[in-house]
Amino acid sequence: MWAFIAYYLRFCRNQRGLSGEAVGRIINASKATVSRIENGVERLDAKRAATLDRAWETGGVFSLLVWYASIGHDPQWLAQYKTFEQRARIIRIFEPLLITGLLQTEDYARALLTGGGVSDPEPDVAERIERQSVLDRAFVMVLLSEATLRWPVGSPRIMREQLAHILQVAERPNVVVHVVPQSFDTGAYPGLDGGVKLVTGDDFGEVAYTESLGGGRLISSPTEVAEYAILFARIGAKALPEHRSRALITKAMEAFSGDDVA
């Protein structure tokens, strides 16, 4: 479906005798972006699809194509999400079970991948650490459930260093970390069934990525993205303020002060 959208955009542009630059002016994008969409490197989002439908009076064809393409599982969703992540100005993340990749240490990532059955985790570890360069550019807000702090991944040493790393990263002015406490007062809350990421960029608006067993889904529809933004806000309402979150992370770190396990 995404390949057809790329083909159809090129077909409609050529049919109208327009250059890539002219189409870029319509959808508020560069000529290079239009080329990437037509070559399948980048995907047309719902906002730009709606703009094309209005400009070319297509009867909503592009919006329908993007909607149908976006509701299905696609093994390339994660790769596509990563391209948005690297161009992001704001990233919001909620993780219910594991430390999010942007905050992982090498040892934690390695232990996590090895425990998940990856025979050679090193390429994935290197790629995960490389992605963390976005922390130097974007504003990042992370919500972690208390379970992520206490679930042992690797040895006690790995967990101590991982939690200490979170505290260190959270000292950056552009990184905010909140913890949702695990208590009867907190109870059940939205998001316990899966993590969510919201990414905002100057050149693509906002997209959401939801994770699930065996895959994930990238959402670009403004209506759906808004629903996930509301979900994130509701989770955030359950979280502790920054100073209490730091105290809870420190307390969890102290719980891993026992002997290391090989």
Protein backbone atom coordinates (compact mmCIF):
# COMPACT_ATOMS: atom_id res chain seq x y z
CA MET A 1 0.00 0.00 0.00
CA TRP A 2 2.81 2.45 0.85
CA ALA A 3 4.54 1.58 -2.43
CA PHE A 4 1.30 2.33 -4.28
CA ILE A 5 0.95 5.69 -2.50
CA ALA A 6 4.49 6.59 -3.58
CA TYR A 7 3.72 5.55 -7.17
CA TYR A 8 0.37 7.36 -7.24
CA LEU A 9 1.84 10.61 -5.92
CA ARG A 10 4.44 10.58 -8.70
CA PHE A 11 1.74 9.70 -11.25
CA CYS A 12 -0.52 12.58 -10.15
CA ARG A 13 2.38 15.03 -10.11
CA ASN A 14 3.48 14.09 -13.63
CA GLN A 15 -0.10 14.10 -14.88
CA ARG A 16 -0.41 17.73 -13.74
CA GLY A 17 2.99 18.67 -15.14
CA LEU A 18 4.29 19.73 -11.73
CA SER A 19 7.84 19.62 -10.43
CA GLY A 20 8.80 18.16 -7.07
CA GLU A 21 9.42 21.69 -5.88
CA ALA A 22 5.88 22.72 -6.85
CA VAL A 23 4.37 19.80 -4.96
CA GLY A 24 6.59 20.68 -2.01
CA ARG A 25 5.04 24.14 -1.91
CA ILE A 26 1.59 22.56 -1.74
CA ILE A 27 2.39 20.25 1.20
CA ASN A 28 4.86 22.63 2.89
CA ALA A 29 7.87 20.40 2.29
CA SER A 30 11.15 20.55 0.44
CA LYS A 31 11.74 19.13 -3.03
CA ALA A 32 13.98 16.51 -1.38
CA THR A 33 11.14 15.43 0.91
CA VAL A 34 8.80 14.98 -2.05
CA SER A 35 11.47 12.88 -3.76
CA ARG A 36 11.87 10.72 -0.63
CA ILE A 37 8.12 10.12 -0.49
CA GLU A 38 7.95 9.22 -4.18
CA ASN A 39 10.85 6.80 -3.75
CA GLY A 40 9.41 5.13 -0.66
CA VAL A 41 12.14 6.41 1.67
CA GLU A 42 9.65 8.57 3.55
CA ARG A 43 5.91 8.14 3.88
CA LEU A 44 3.10 10.56 3.17
CA ASP A 45 1.39 11.50 6.43
CA ALA A 46 -2.30 12.20 6.98
CA LYS A 47 -1.89 15.99 7.14
CA ARG A 48 -0.08 16.20 3.81
CA ALA A 49 -2.46 13.69 2.24
CA ALA A 50 -5.43 15.89 3.20
CA THR A 51 -3.64 18.94 1.77
CA LEU A 52 -3.11 17.18 -1.57
CA ASP A 53 -6.74 16.05 -1.62
CA ARG A 54 -7.90 19.65 -1.22
CA ALA A 55 -5.43 21.11 -3.70
CA TRP A 56 -6.06 18.51 -6.39
CA GLU A 57 -9.74 17.84 -5.60
CA THR A 58 -9.20 14.08 -5.47
CA GLY A 59 -12.29 13.31 -3.41
CA GLY A 60 -10.11 12.25 -0.47
CA VAL A 61 -8.19 9.50 -2.27
CA PHE A 62 -4.81 10.24 -0.68
CA SER A 63 -6.32 10.42 2.81
CA LEU A 64 -8.07 7.09 2.29
CA LEU A 65 -4.90 5.44 1.01
CA VAL A 66 -2.86 6.70 3.94
CA TRP A 67 -5.54 5.62 6.42
CA TYR A 68 -5.73 2.08 5.03
CA ALA A 69 -1.95 1.82 4.91
CA SER A 70 -1.61 3.02 8.50
CA ILE A 71 -4.05 0.61 10.15
CA GLY A 72 -2.20 -2.52 9.13
CA HIS A 73 0.86 -4.07 10.75
CA ASP A 74 4.05 -3.23 8.91
CA PRO A 75 7.46 -4.68 9.84
CA GLN A 76 9.00 -1.39 8.70
CA TRP A 77 7.08 0.71 11.24
CA LEU A 78 9.98 0.81 13.70
CA ALA A 79 12.47 1.84 11.04
CA GLN A 80 10.10 4.57 9.91
CA TYR A 81 9.62 5.72 13.50
CA LYS A 82 13.38 6.03 13.93
CA THR A 83 13.58 8.47 11.02
CA PHE A 84 11.05 10.71 12.75
CA GLU A 85 12.87 10.31 16.06
CA GLN A 86 16.12 11.62 14.60
CA ARG A 87 14.33 14.70 13.22
CA ALA A 88 12.32 15.36 16.36
CA ARG A 89 12.11 18.55 18.35
CA ILE A 90 10.01 16.99 21.14
CA ILE A 91 9.80 13.32 22.17
CA ARG A 92 7.40 11.97 24.79
CA ILE A 93 7.70 8.36 25.91
CA PHE A 94 5.81 6.10 28.30
CA GLU A 95 7.20 2.66 29.18
CA PRO A 96 5.28 0.28 31.48
CA LEU A 97 7.77 -2.61 31.75
CA LEU A 98 11.31 -1.78 30.59
CA ILE A 99 13.66 1.18 30.56
CA THR A 100 13.16 2.97 27.26
CA GLY A 101 15.92 2.58 24.67
CA LEU A 102 16.94 6.25 24.75
CA LEU A 103 17.88 5.86 28.43
CA GLN A 104 19.46 2.39 28.31
CA THR A 105 23.09 1.69 29.13
CA GLU A 106 25.03 -0.68 26.88
CA ASP A 107 25.07 -3.42 29.53
CA TYR A 108 21.33 -3.14 30.17
CA ALA A 109 20.55 -3.22 26.45
CA ARG A 110 22.88 -6.20 25.98
CA ALA A 111 21.33 -8.14 28.86
CA LEU A 112 17.83 -7.31 27.65
CA LEU A 113 18.52 -8.46 24.07
CA THR A 114 20.34 -11.61 25.22
CA GLY A 115 17.46 -12.48 27.53
CA GLY A 116 15.10 -12.02 24.59
CA GLY A 117 16.96 -14.66 22.59
CA VAL A 118 19.09 -12.48 20.32
CA SER A 119 22.19 -14.56 19.53
CA ASP A 120 24.38 -11.61 18.54
CA PRO A 121 23.13 -8.50 20.36
CA GLU A 122 26.11 -6.25 19.55
CA PRO A 123 24.76 -4.68 16.32
CA ASP A 124 21.46 -3.88 18.06
CA VAL A 125 23.25 -2.51 21.11
CA ALA A 126 25.40 -0.23 18.95
CA GLU A 127 22.37 0.98 16.98
CA ARG A 128 20.42 1.65 20.19
CA ILE A 129 23.25 3.68 21.73
CA GLU A 130 23.71 5.63 18.48
CA ARG A 131 20.03 6.63 18.56
CA GLN A 132 20.62 8.29 21.91
CA SER A 133 22.33 11.19 20.13
CA VAL A 134 18.84 12.66 19.83
CA LEU A 135 19.16 13.51 23.54
CA ASP A 136 21.64 16.21 22.46
CA ARG A 137 19.07 17.88 20.20
CA ALA A 138 15.47 17.31 21.31
CA PHE A 139 13.39 17.96 24.41
CA VAL A 140 12.62 14.52 25.82
CA MET A 141 10.00 13.69 28.46
CA VAL A 142 9.89 10.13 29.76
CA LEU A 143 7.27 8.50 31.97
CA LEU A 144 8.43 5.24 33.54
CA SER A 145 6.32 2.93 35.62
CA GLU A 146 7.93 1.93 38.90
CA ALA A 147 8.00 -1.65 37.58
CA THR A 148 10.67 -0.62 35.04
CA LEU A 149 12.97 0.35 37.91
CA ARG A 150 12.54 -2.86 39.86
CA TRP A 151 12.42 -5.52 37.14
CA PRO A 152 15.90 -7.11 37.26
CA VAL A 153 17.63 -7.13 33.88
CA GLY A 154 21.11 -8.64 34.03
CA SER A 155 22.99 -8.42 37.33
CA PRO A 156 22.47 -6.07 40.31
CA ARG A 157 25.51 -4.11 39.08
CA ILE A 158 23.88 -3.60 35.67
CA MET A 159 20.70 -2.38 37.34
CA ARG A 160 22.55 -0.02 39.68
CA GLU A 161 24.46 1.49 36.79
CA GLN A 162 21.31 1.69 34.67
CA LEU A 163 19.34 3.57 37.34
CA ALA A 164 22.31 5.84 38.07
CA HIS A 165 22.46 6.60 34.34
CA ILE A 166 18.81 7.65 34.33
CA LEU A 167 19.49 10.05 37.20
CA GLN A 168 22.48 11.47 35.34
CA VAL A 169 20.61 11.95 32.06
CA ALA A 170 17.67 13.52 33.92
CA GLU A 171 20.00 16.32 35.06
CA ARG A 172 20.08 17.66 31.49
CA PRO A 173 17.87 20.73 31.03
CA ASN A 174 16.17 19.16 28.01
CA VAL A 175 15.35 15.80 29.65
CA VAL A 176 12.51 15.24 32.12
CA VAL A 177 11.88 11.89 33.81
CA HIS A 178 8.81 11.09 35.88
CA VAL A 179 7.95 7.81 37.59
CA VAL A 180 4.43 6.45 37.95
CA PRO A 181 4.41 4.79 41.40
CA GLN A 182 3.28 1.23 41.85
CA SER A 183 0.73 1.39 44.63
CA PHE A 184 -2.89 0.73 45.46
CA ASP A 185 -3.43 4.48 45.48
CA THR A 186 -2.29 4.67 41.87
CA GLY A 187 -4.20 1.55 40.85
CA ALA A 188 -4.73 0.66 37.21
CA TYR A 189 -4.17 3.44 34.71
CA PRO A 190 -4.16 3.86 30.91
CA GLY A 191 -1.11 2.50 29.12
CA LEU A 192 -0.40 -0.56 31.25
CA ASP A 193 -1.06 -2.73 28.20
CA GLY A 194 1.71 -1.18 26.11
CA GLY A 195 4.18 1.65 25.69
CA VAL A 196 3.64 4.71 23.54
CA LYS A 197 5.91 7.31 21.97
CA LEU A 198 4.86 10.73 20.66
CA VAL A 199 7.29 12.54 18.37
CA THR A 200 6.93 16.15 17.22
CA GLY A 201 9.01 17.77 14.48
CA ASP A 202 9.00 21.05 12.61
CA ASP A 203 8.78 19.36 9.20
CA PHE A 204 6.32 16.52 9.86
CA GLY A 205 4.02 17.62 12.69
CA GLU A 206 3.38 14.87 15.21
CA VAL A 207 3.28 11.07 15.00
CA ALA A 208 2.71 8.35 17.57
CA TYR A 209 4.21 4.88 17.84
CA THR A 210 2.62 2.12 19.91
CA GLU A 211 4.42 -1.07 20.84
CA SER A 212 3.01 -4.57 21.08
CA LEU A 213 4.27 -8.13 21.17
CA GLY A 214 5.96 -8.94 17.87
CA GLY A 215 5.56 -5.52 16.33
CA GLY A 216 4.26 -2.01 16.59
CA ARG A 217 2.24 0.60 14.77
CA LEU A 218 3.04 4.09 13.57
CA ILE A 219 0.14 6.56 13.66
CA SER A 220 0.12 9.76 11.64
CA SER A 221 -3.60 10.61 11.60
CA PRO A 222 -3.99 13.88 13.58
CA THR A 223 -7.18 12.59 15.22
CA GLU A 224 -5.57 9.37 16.40
CA VAL A 225 -2.36 11.10 17.45
CA ALA A 226 -4.43 13.49 19.56
CA GLU A 227 -5.99 10.51 21.33
CA TYR A 228 -2.54 9.20 22.23
CA ALA A 229 -1.54 12.67 23.43
CA ILE A 230 -4.54 12.58 25.76
CA LEU A 231 -3.50 9.09 26.90
CA PHE A 232 0.00 10.35 27.67
CA ALA A 233 -1.42 13.29 29.64
CA ARG A 234 -3.63 10.95 31.69
CA ILE A 235 -0.64 8.75 32.51
CA GLY A 236 1.39 11.82 33.41
CA ALA A 237 -1.31 12.85 35.87
CA LYS A 238 -0.52 9.67 37.83
CA ALA A 239 3.24 10.33 37.89
CA LEU A 240 5.31 11.75 40.72
CA PRO A 241 6.94 15.18 40.39
CA GLU A 242 10.59 15.27 39.35
CA HIS A 243 12.15 15.42 42.82
CA ARG A 244 10.04 12.55 44.15
CA SER A 245 10.72 10.57 40.97
CA ARG A 246 14.47 10.99 41.53
CA ALA A 247 14.06 9.84 45.13
CA LEU A 248 12.18 6.73 44.01
CA ILE A 249 14.82 5.91 41.39
CA THR A 250 17.53 6.29 44.05
CA LYS A 251 15.60 4.01 46.40
CA ALA A 252 15.20 1.39 43.66
CA MET A 253 18.94 1.65 42.91
CA GLU A 254 19.77 0.96 46.56
CA ALA A 255 17.65 -2.20 46.42
CA PHE A 256 20.18 -3.64 43.96
CA SER A 257 23.08 -3.25 46.38
CA GLY A 258 23.41 -6.99 46.98
CA ASP A 259 25.99 -9.33 45.45
CA ASP A 260 26.18 -9.42 41.70
CA VAL A 261 24.93 -12.48 39.88
CA ALA A 262 27.11 -13.80 37.06
